[in-house]
Amino acid sequence: MKRYLVVFLAIFVLTGCTSVPPLNFSVPNVGVSNKKIDAELKSITVSLARPDEQKGDIQAGMELLPQFWKASLEESIDRMVIFKDGADTRLSLSVKILAVNAPAVGLDMATKAIARYELINRNNGDIVYTQDVTSTGIVPISYAFVGYVRARESVNRAIQNNITQFLQSLETIDIARPMFPAGGGK
């Protein structure tokens, strides 16, 4: 009986020392881009998908995702210095969160995030770039004993990975060759 009490107390102490990480989608190690896009990024909007647009779950309590996602995007794009302020071409970035499938239980917690990124030319309506980005954030059981802590961190990592993939794709964009010209290619 004493052994069980010691084990229970050890688990309780270890659990009590683990704090829940805040939502933090800030992407680490974003460097200055070698490529410059000859356009000014005028606005960024981030929103949750409507139920008919979703490609997975967006659970209750995720209403704060757009504001944190937007702040992290702004920070990353500012650090990347890929857009030219004052350029004649002006772009808007629209992000639609299609899914954030956070685990309810598990040893290794894995969250899947899907978001649609669209860069729209504000001068003529061309969709310069559109892509659904899918990413995963995995947190092993060794990270923390408490499942909720691992689940929260897996959300952070999934969204950081999602933003990172988008930032990498920015280096391939050619605004002179939009994916979907507003005039239908005329």
C-alpha atoms as a PDB file:
ATOM      1  CA  MET A   1       0.000   0.000   0.000  1.00  0.00           C
ATOM      2  CA  LYS A   2       2.865   2.371   0.789  1.00  0.00           C
ATOM      3  CA  ARG A   3       4.328   1.782  -2.669  1.00  0.00           C
ATOM      4  CA  TYR A   4       1.060   2.788  -4.303  1.00  0.00           C
ATOM      5  CA  LEU A   5       0.948   5.902  -2.160  1.00  0.00           C
ATOM      6  CA  VAL A   6       4.513   6.830  -3.137  1.00  0.00           C
ATOM      7  CA  VAL A   7       3.766   6.253  -6.839  1.00  0.00           C
ATOM      8  CA  PHE A   8       0.548   8.292  -6.585  1.00  0.00           C
ATOM      9  CA  LEU A   9       2.366  11.148  -4.837  1.00  0.00           C
ATOM     10  CA  ALA A  10       5.157  11.090  -7.412  1.00  0.00           C
ATOM     11  CA  ILE A  11       2.642  11.288 -10.258  1.00  0.00           C
ATOM     12  CA  PHE A  12       0.771  14.072  -8.474  1.00  0.00           C
ATOM     13  CA  VAL A  13       3.977  16.076  -7.940  1.00  0.00           C
ATOM     14  CA  LEU A  14       5.104  15.596 -11.548  1.00  0.00           C
ATOM     15  CA  THR A  15       1.670  16.535 -12.837  1.00  0.00           C
ATOM     16  CA  GLY A  16       1.520  19.634 -10.659  1.00  0.00           C
ATOM     17  CA  CYS A  17       4.833  20.870 -12.068  1.00  0.00           C
ATOM     18  CA  THR A  18       3.591  20.833 -15.649  1.00  0.00           C
ATOM     19  CA  SER A  19       2.055  24.062 -16.845  1.00  0.00           C
ATOM     20  CA  VAL A  20      -0.235  24.311 -19.832  1.00  0.00           C
ATOM     21  CA  PRO A  21       1.516  26.117 -22.688  1.00  0.00           C
ATOM     22  CA  PRO A  22      -0.263  29.183 -24.058  1.00  0.00           C
ATOM     23  CA  LEU A  23      -1.482  29.274 -27.625  1.00  0.00           C
ATOM     24  CA  ASN A  24       1.653  30.397 -29.423  1.00  0.00           C
ATOM     25  CA  PHE A  25       1.926  29.987 -33.164  1.00  0.00           C
ATOM     26  CA  SER A  26       5.047  32.125 -33.542  1.00  0.00           C
ATOM     27  CA  VAL A  27       7.266  30.430 -36.114  1.00  0.00           C
ATOM     28  CA  PRO A  28      10.878  30.049 -34.954  1.00  0.00           C
ATOM     29  CA  ASN A  29      13.902  30.761 -37.144  1.00  0.00           C
ATOM     30  CA  VAL A  30      12.267  32.816 -39.901  1.00  0.00           C
ATOM     31  CA  GLY A  31      15.051  34.414 -41.903  1.00  0.00           C
ATOM     32  CA  VAL A  32      15.153  37.197 -44.453  1.00  0.00           C
ATOM     33  CA  SER A  33      14.149  35.945 -47.894  1.00  0.00           C
ATOM     34  CA  ASN A  34      16.581  36.118 -50.800  1.00  0.00           C
ATOM     35  CA  LYS A  35      13.635  36.598 -53.137  1.00  0.00           C
ATOM     36  CA  LYS A  36      11.503  39.737 -53.120  1.00  0.00           C
ATOM     37  CA  ILE A  37       7.929  39.879 -54.374  1.00  0.00           C
ATOM     38  CA  ASP A  38       7.354  43.163 -56.221  1.00  0.00           C
ATOM     39  CA  ALA A  39       4.144  43.887 -54.328  1.00  0.00           C
ATOM     40  CA  GLU A  40       3.028  45.398 -51.065  1.00  0.00           C
ATOM     41  CA  LEU A  41       1.040  43.225 -48.682  1.00  0.00           C
ATOM     42  CA  LYS A  42      -1.768  45.557 -47.579  1.00  0.00           C
ATOM     43  CA  SER A  43      -3.905  43.282 -45.438  1.00  0.00           C
ATOM     44  CA  ILE A  44      -4.120  39.881 -43.800  1.00  0.00           C
ATOM     45  CA  THR A  45      -7.384  38.286 -42.758  1.00  0.00           C
ATOM     46  CA  VAL A  46      -7.762  34.957 -40.994  1.00  0.00           C
ATOM     47  CA  SER A  47     -11.123  33.290 -40.388  1.00  0.00           C
ATOM     48  CA  LEU A  48     -12.652  29.962 -39.452  1.00  0.00           C
ATOM     49  CA  ALA A  49     -14.302  28.025 -42.260  1.00  0.00           C
ATOM     50  CA  ARG A  50     -18.053  27.665 -42.350  1.00  0.00           C
ATOM     51  CA  PRO A  51     -19.271  24.115 -41.598  1.00  0.00           C
ATOM     52  CA  ASP A  52     -19.844  23.447 -45.322  1.00  0.00           C
ATOM     53  CA  GLU A  53     -16.232  24.494 -46.121  1.00  0.00           C
ATOM     54  CA  GLN A  54     -14.486  22.520 -43.375  1.00  0.00           C
ATOM     55  CA  LYS A  55     -12.187  19.627 -44.218  1.00  0.00           C
ATOM     56  CA  GLY A  56     -12.178  18.284 -40.669  1.00  0.00           C
ATOM     57  CA  ASP A  57     -13.079  19.321 -37.158  1.00  0.00           C
ATOM     58  CA  ILE A  58     -12.803  22.759 -35.667  1.00  0.00           C
ATOM     59  CA  GLN A  59     -13.684  22.118 -32.062  1.00  0.00           C
ATOM     60  CA  ALA A  60     -15.480  24.427 -29.681  1.00  0.00           C
ATOM     61  CA  GLY A  61     -13.037  26.683 -27.894  1.00  0.00           C
ATOM     62  CA  MET A  62     -11.010  27.316 -31.046  1.00  0.00           C
ATOM     63  CA  GLU A  63     -12.592  30.725 -31.652  1.00  0.00           C
ATOM     64  CA  LEU A  64      -9.333  32.464 -30.690  1.00  0.00           C
ATOM     65  CA  LEU A  65      -7.329  30.672 -33.391  1.00  0.00           C
ATOM     66  CA  PRO A  66      -7.768  33.355 -36.088  1.00  0.00           C
ATOM     67  CA  GLN A  67      -6.348  36.201 -34.018  1.00  0.00           C
ATOM     68  CA  PHE A  68      -3.288  34.199 -32.904  1.00  0.00           C
ATOM     69  CA  TRP A  69      -2.787  32.792 -36.421  1.00  0.00           C
ATOM     70  CA  LYS A  70      -2.931  36.308 -37.916  1.00  0.00           C
ATOM     71  CA  ALA A  71      -0.477  37.735 -35.381  1.00  0.00           C
ATOM     72  CA  SER A  72       1.988  34.924 -36.105  1.00  0.00           C
ATOM     73  CA  LEU A  73       1.641  35.383 -39.864  1.00  0.00           C
ATOM     74  CA  GLU A  74       2.235  39.132 -39.583  1.00  0.00           C
ATOM     75  CA  GLU A  75       5.284  38.573 -37.411  1.00  0.00           C
ATOM     76  CA  SER A  76       6.732  35.926 -39.743  1.00  0.00           C
ATOM     77  CA  ILE A  77       6.123  37.909 -42.940  1.00  0.00           C
ATOM     78  CA  ASP A  78       7.641  41.017 -41.341  1.00  0.00           C
ATOM     79  CA  ARG A  79      10.764  39.034 -40.380  1.00  0.00           C
ATOM     80  CA  MET A  80      10.938  37.444 -43.828  1.00  0.00           C
ATOM     81  CA  VAL A  81      10.930  40.852 -45.595  1.00  0.00           C
ATOM     82  CA  ILE A  82       9.679  39.283 -48.829  1.00  0.00           C
ATOM     83  CA  PHE A  83       7.206  42.007 -49.878  1.00  0.00           C
ATOM     84  CA  LYS A  84       8.180  45.505 -51.054  1.00  0.00           C
ATOM     85  CA  ASP A  85       6.521  48.390 -49.240  1.00  0.00           C
ATOM     86  CA  GLY A  86       5.271  51.110 -51.575  1.00  0.00           C
ATOM     87  CA  ALA A  87       5.161  48.856 -54.659  1.00  0.00           C
ATOM     88  CA  ASP A  88       2.551  49.593 -57.313  1.00  0.00           C
ATOM     89  CA  THR A  89       0.954  46.164 -56.919  1.00  0.00           C
ATOM     90  CA  ARG A  90      -0.947  45.623 -53.691  1.00  0.00           C
ATOM     91  CA  LEU A  91      -1.916  42.223 -52.348  1.00  0.00           C
ATOM     92  CA  SER A  92      -4.288  40.914 -49.711  1.00  0.00           C
ATOM     93  CA  LEU A  93      -3.693  37.638 -47.918  1.00  0.00           C
ATOM     94  CA  SER A  94      -6.767  35.683 -46.915  1.00  0.00           C
ATOM     95  CA  VAL A  95      -6.447  32.593 -44.726  1.00  0.00           C
ATOM     96  CA  LYS A  96      -9.353  30.247 -44.103  1.00  0.00           C
ATOM     97  CA  ILE A  97      -8.854  27.691 -41.317  1.00  0.00           C
ATOM     98  CA  LEU A  98     -10.423  24.503 -42.679  1.00  0.00           C
ATOM     99  CA  ALA A  99      -9.558  22.085 -39.868  1.00  0.00           C
ATOM    100  CA  VAL A 100      -7.692  21.786 -36.601  1.00  0.00           C
ATOM    101  CA  ASN A 101      -8.114  18.188 -35.499  1.00  0.00           C
ATOM    102  CA  ALA A 102      -6.752  18.155 -31.960  1.00  0.00           C
ATOM    103  CA  PRO A 103      -6.560  14.804 -30.162  1.00  0.00           C
ATOM    104  CA  ALA A 104      -8.784  14.073 -27.183  1.00  0.00           C
ATOM    105  CA  VAL A 105      -6.662  11.240 -25.825  1.00  0.00           C
ATOM    106  CA  GLY A 106      -3.449   9.458 -26.674  1.00  0.00           C
ATOM    107  CA  LEU A 107       0.146   8.916 -25.749  1.00  0.00           C
ATOM    108  CA  ASP A 108       1.753  10.790 -28.620  1.00  0.00           C
ATOM    109  CA  MET A 109      -0.586  13.681 -29.375  1.00  0.00           C
ATOM    110  CA  ALA A 110      -0.936  14.565 -33.064  1.00  0.00           C
ATOM    111  CA  THR A 111      -2.904  17.535 -34.372  1.00  0.00           C
ATOM    112  CA  LYS A 112      -3.693  18.027 -38.040  1.00  0.00           C
ATOM    113  CA  ALA A 113      -4.210  21.568 -39.337  1.00  0.00           C
ATOM    114  CA  ILE A 114      -5.523  22.533 -42.768  1.00  0.00           C
ATOM    115  CA  ALA A 115      -5.727  26.113 -44.025  1.00  0.00           C
ATOM    116  CA  ARG A 116      -6.401  27.724 -47.397  1.00  0.00           C
ATOM    117  CA  TYR A 117      -4.079  30.618 -48.231  1.00  0.00           C
ATOM    118  CA  GLU A 118      -5.010  33.059 -50.998  1.00  0.00           C
ATOM    119  CA  LEU A 119      -3.043  36.045 -52.216  1.00  0.00           C
ATOM    120  CA  ILE A 120      -5.299  38.404 -54.155  1.00  0.00           C
ATOM    121  CA  ASN A 121      -4.094  41.282 -56.316  1.00  0.00           C
ATOM    122  CA  ARG A 122      -6.096  44.278 -55.056  1.00  0.00           C
ATOM    123  CA  ASN A 123      -5.450  46.209 -58.279  1.00  0.00           C
ATOM    124  CA  ASN A 124      -7.219  43.803 -60.636  1.00  0.00           C
ATOM    125  CA  GLY A 125      -8.695  40.911 -58.590  1.00  0.00           C
ATOM    126  CA  ASP A 126      -6.273  38.240 -59.828  1.00  0.00           C
ATOM    127  CA  ILE A 127      -5.800  35.321 -57.454  1.00  0.00           C
ATOM    128  CA  VAL A 128      -2.026  35.268 -57.500  1.00  0.00           C
ATOM    129  CA  TYR A 129      -1.764  32.192 -55.275  1.00  0.00           C
ATOM    130  CA  THR A 130      -4.162  29.752 -53.662  1.00  0.00           C
ATOM    131  CA  GLN A 131      -3.262  26.577 -51.843  1.00  0.00           C
ATOM    132  CA  ASP A 132      -4.636  24.325 -49.120  1.00  0.00           C
ATOM    133  CA  VAL A 133      -1.779  23.628 -46.720  1.00  0.00           C
ATOM    134  CA  THR A 134      -1.957  20.533 -44.511  1.00  0.00           C
ATOM    135  CA  SER A 135       0.390  20.086 -41.575  1.00  0.00           C
ATOM    136  CA  THR A 136       0.781  17.978 -38.463  1.00  0.00           C
ATOM    137  CA  GLY A 137       2.151  18.704 -35.022  1.00  0.00           C
ATOM    138  CA  ILE A 138       3.225  15.698 -32.964  1.00  0.00           C
ATOM    139  CA  VAL A 139       4.131  15.828 -29.274  1.00  0.00           C
ATOM    140  CA  PRO A 140       5.523  12.647 -27.669  1.00  0.00           C
ATOM    141  CA  ILE A 141       4.517  11.440 -24.224  1.00  0.00           C
ATOM    142  CA  SER A 142       7.995  12.372 -22.975  1.00  0.00           C
ATOM    143  CA  TYR A 143       7.071  16.066 -23.401  1.00  0.00           C
ATOM    144  CA  ALA A 144       4.638  16.067 -20.451  1.00  0.00           C
ATOM    145  CA  PHE A 145       2.718  13.554 -18.387  1.00  0.00           C
ATOM    146  CA  VAL A 146      -0.564  15.484 -18.627  1.00  0.00           C
ATOM    147  CA  GLY A 147      -2.432  14.788 -21.868  1.00  0.00           C
ATOM    148  CA  TYR A 148      -3.972  18.269 -22.085  1.00  0.00           C
ATOM    149  CA  VAL A 149      -0.497  19.846 -22.058  1.00  0.00           C
ATOM    150  CA  ARG A 150       0.642  17.580 -24.916  1.00  0.00           C
ATOM    151  CA  ALA A 151      -2.561  18.237 -26.853  1.00  0.00           C
ATOM    152  CA  ARG A 152      -2.193  22.031 -26.539  1.00  0.00           C
ATOM    153  CA  GLU A 153       1.437  21.898 -27.638  1.00  0.00           C
ATOM    154  CA  SER A 154       0.495  19.691 -30.612  1.00  0.00           C
ATOM    155  CA  VAL A 155      -1.945  22.425 -31.742  1.00  0.00           C
ATOM    156  CA  ASN A 156       0.842  25.005 -31.462  1.00  0.00           C
ATOM    157  CA  ARG A 157       3.226  22.859 -33.496  1.00  0.00           C
ATOM    158  CA  ALA A 158       0.653  21.981 -36.178  1.00  0.00           C
ATOM    159  CA  ILE A 159      -0.128  25.631 -36.829  1.00  0.00           C
ATOM    160  CA  GLN A 160       3.531  26.679 -36.703  1.00  0.00           C
ATOM    161  CA  ASN A 161       4.269  23.971 -39.293  1.00  0.00           C
ATOM    162  CA  ASN A 162       1.331  25.147 -41.416  1.00  0.00           C
ATOM    163  CA  ILE A 163       2.555  28.748 -41.452  1.00  0.00           C
ATOM    164  CA  THR A 164       6.107  27.558 -42.178  1.00  0.00           C
ATOM    165  CA  GLN A 165       4.929  25.631 -45.247  1.00  0.00           C
ATOM    166  CA  PHE A 166       3.094  28.723 -46.506  1.00  0.00           C
ATOM    167  CA  LEU A 167       6.168  30.916 -45.975  1.00  0.00           C
ATOM    168  CA  GLN A 168       8.267  28.441 -47.959  1.00  0.00           C
ATOM    169  CA  SER A 169       5.762  28.536 -50.818  1.00  0.00           C
ATOM    170  CA  LEU A 170       5.961  32.355 -50.949  1.00  0.00           C
ATOM    171  CA  GLU A 171       9.425  31.993 -52.445  1.00  0.00           C
ATOM    172  CA  THR A 172       7.906  30.312 -55.541  1.00  0.00           C
ATOM    173  CA  ILE A 173       5.199  32.902 -56.267  1.00  0.00           C
ATOM    174  CA  ASP A 174       5.343  34.935 -59.483  1.00  0.00           C
ATOM    175  CA  ILE A 175       2.767  37.735 -59.340  1.00  0.00           C
ATOM    176  CA  ALA A 176       3.143  38.281 -63.095  1.00  0.00           C
ATOM    177  CA  ARG A 177       1.684  34.786 -63.588  1.00  0.00           C
ATOM    178  CA  PRO A 178      -1.417  34.567 -61.372  1.00  0.00           C
ATOM    179  CA  MET A 179      -2.979  31.169 -60.736  1.00  0.00           C
ATOM    180  CA  PHE A 180      -6.441  32.528 -61.559  1.00  0.00           C
ATOM    181  CA  PRO A 181      -6.523  35.759 -63.557  1.00  0.00           C
ATOM    182  CA  ALA A 182      -9.589  37.905 -62.805  1.00  0.00           C
ATOM    183  CA  GLY A 183     -10.383  38.249 -66.516  1.00  0.00           C
ATOM    184  CA  GLY A 184     -10.451  34.474 -66.975  1.00  0.00           C
ATOM    185  CA  GLY A 185      -7.120  34.499 -68.803  1.00  0.00           C
ATOM    186  CA  LYS A 186      -8.167  37.056 -71.436  1.00  0.00           C
END
